[in-house]
Amino acid sequence: MQREFKVYAREGEPCPRCGRAIVRSVVAGRGTFHCPRCQRAPRIGFP
C-alpha cells in the first residue's frame, strides 16, 4: 500500500508534481514528508 503514496518515505526524491526534492520533518514526534513548494505552510495573521 505504501507504494501508492506520492511522497511518503521519499525524502530527497523529486516531487512528482514540480520536481523539487521531498523533505522530511518531525511533527509531534512523528515523521512527515512533503514538498516545500507544493505544500506550503498556511498563512496566519491579519488581513
C-alpha atoms as a PDB file:
ATOM      1  CA  MET A   1       0.000   0.000   0.000  1.00  0.00           C
ATOM      2  CA  GLN A   2       2.810   2.469   0.754  1.00  0.00           C
ATOM      3  CA  ARG A   3       3.846   2.473  -2.897  1.00  0.00           C
ATOM      4  CA  GLU A   4       0.577   4.286  -3.622  1.00  0.00           C
ATOM      5  CA  PHE A   5       1.659   7.336  -1.594  1.00  0.00           C
ATOM      6  CA  LYS A   6       3.098  10.142  -3.714  1.00  0.00           C
ATOM      7  CA  VAL A   7       5.755  11.387  -1.253  1.00  0.00           C
ATOM      8  CA  TYR A   8       5.755   9.148   1.857  1.00  0.00           C
ATOM      9  CA  ALA A   9       9.260   7.814   2.620  1.00  0.00           C
ATOM     10  CA  ARG A  10      10.674   9.505  -0.494  1.00  0.00           C
ATOM     11  CA  GLU A  11      12.952  12.049   1.186  1.00  0.00           C
ATOM     12  CA  GLY A  12      15.356  13.583  -1.330  1.00  0.00           C
ATOM     13  CA  GLU A  13      13.480  12.235  -4.343  1.00  0.00           C
ATOM     14  CA  PRO A  14      11.841  14.658  -6.777  1.00  0.00           C
ATOM     15  CA  CYS A  15       8.253  15.752  -6.183  1.00  0.00           C
ATOM     16  CA  PRO A  16       6.000  14.133  -8.815  1.00  0.00           C
ATOM     17  CA  ARG A  17       4.285  17.496  -9.376  1.00  0.00           C
ATOM     18  CA  CYS A  18       7.121  20.072  -9.536  1.00  0.00           C
ATOM     19  CA  GLY A  19      10.413  18.172  -9.315  1.00  0.00           C
ATOM     20  CA  ARG A  20      11.710  19.828  -6.132  1.00  0.00           C
ATOM     21  CA  ALA A  21      13.227  17.488  -3.517  1.00  0.00           C
ATOM     22  CA  ILE A  22      10.869  15.965  -0.941  1.00  0.00           C
ATOM     23  CA  VAL A  23      11.783  16.859   2.652  1.00  0.00           C
ATOM     24  CA  ARG A  24      11.153  15.070   5.947  1.00  0.00           C
ATOM     25  CA  SER A  25      10.009  16.939   9.046  1.00  0.00           C
ATOM     26  CA  VAL A  26       9.136  15.772  12.546  1.00  0.00           C
ATOM     27  CA  VAL A  27       5.709  16.879  13.781  1.00  0.00           C
ATOM     28  CA  ALA A  28       4.509  15.807  17.230  1.00  0.00           C
ATOM     29  CA  GLY A  29       7.286  13.228  17.358  1.00  0.00           C
ATOM     30  CA  ARG A  30       6.341  11.596  14.050  1.00  0.00           C
ATOM     31  CA  GLY A  31       7.973  11.868  10.656  1.00  0.00           C
ATOM     32  CA  THR A  32       6.108  13.502   7.808  1.00  0.00           C
ATOM     33  CA  PHE A  33       7.128  14.102   4.208  1.00  0.00           C
ATOM     34  CA  HIS A  34       6.180  16.962   1.909  1.00  0.00           C
ATOM     35  CA  CYS A  35       7.253  19.149  -0.978  1.00  0.00           C
ATOM     36  CA  PRO A  36       8.149  22.651   0.282  1.00  0.00           C
ATOM     37  CA  ARG A  37       6.928  24.211  -2.966  1.00  0.00           C
ATOM     38  CA  CYS A  38       3.627  22.379  -3.485  1.00  0.00           C
ATOM     39  CA  GLN A  39       2.571  22.146   0.167  1.00  0.00           C
ATOM     40  CA  ARG A  40       3.416  25.438   1.811  1.00  0.00           C
ATOM     41  CA  ALA A  41       2.577  26.359   5.381  1.00  0.00           C
ATOM     42  CA  PRO A  42      -0.716  28.221   5.767  1.00  0.00           C
ATOM     43  CA  ARG A  43      -0.522  31.984   6.155  1.00  0.00           C
ATOM     44  CA  ILE A  44      -1.507  33.049   9.634  1.00  0.00           C
ATOM     45  CA  GLY A  45      -2.171  36.649  10.508  1.00  0.00           C
ATOM     46  CA  PHE A  46      -4.490  39.526   9.980  1.00  0.00           C
ATOM     47  CA  PRO A  47      -5.587  40.702   6.530  1.00  0.00           C
END
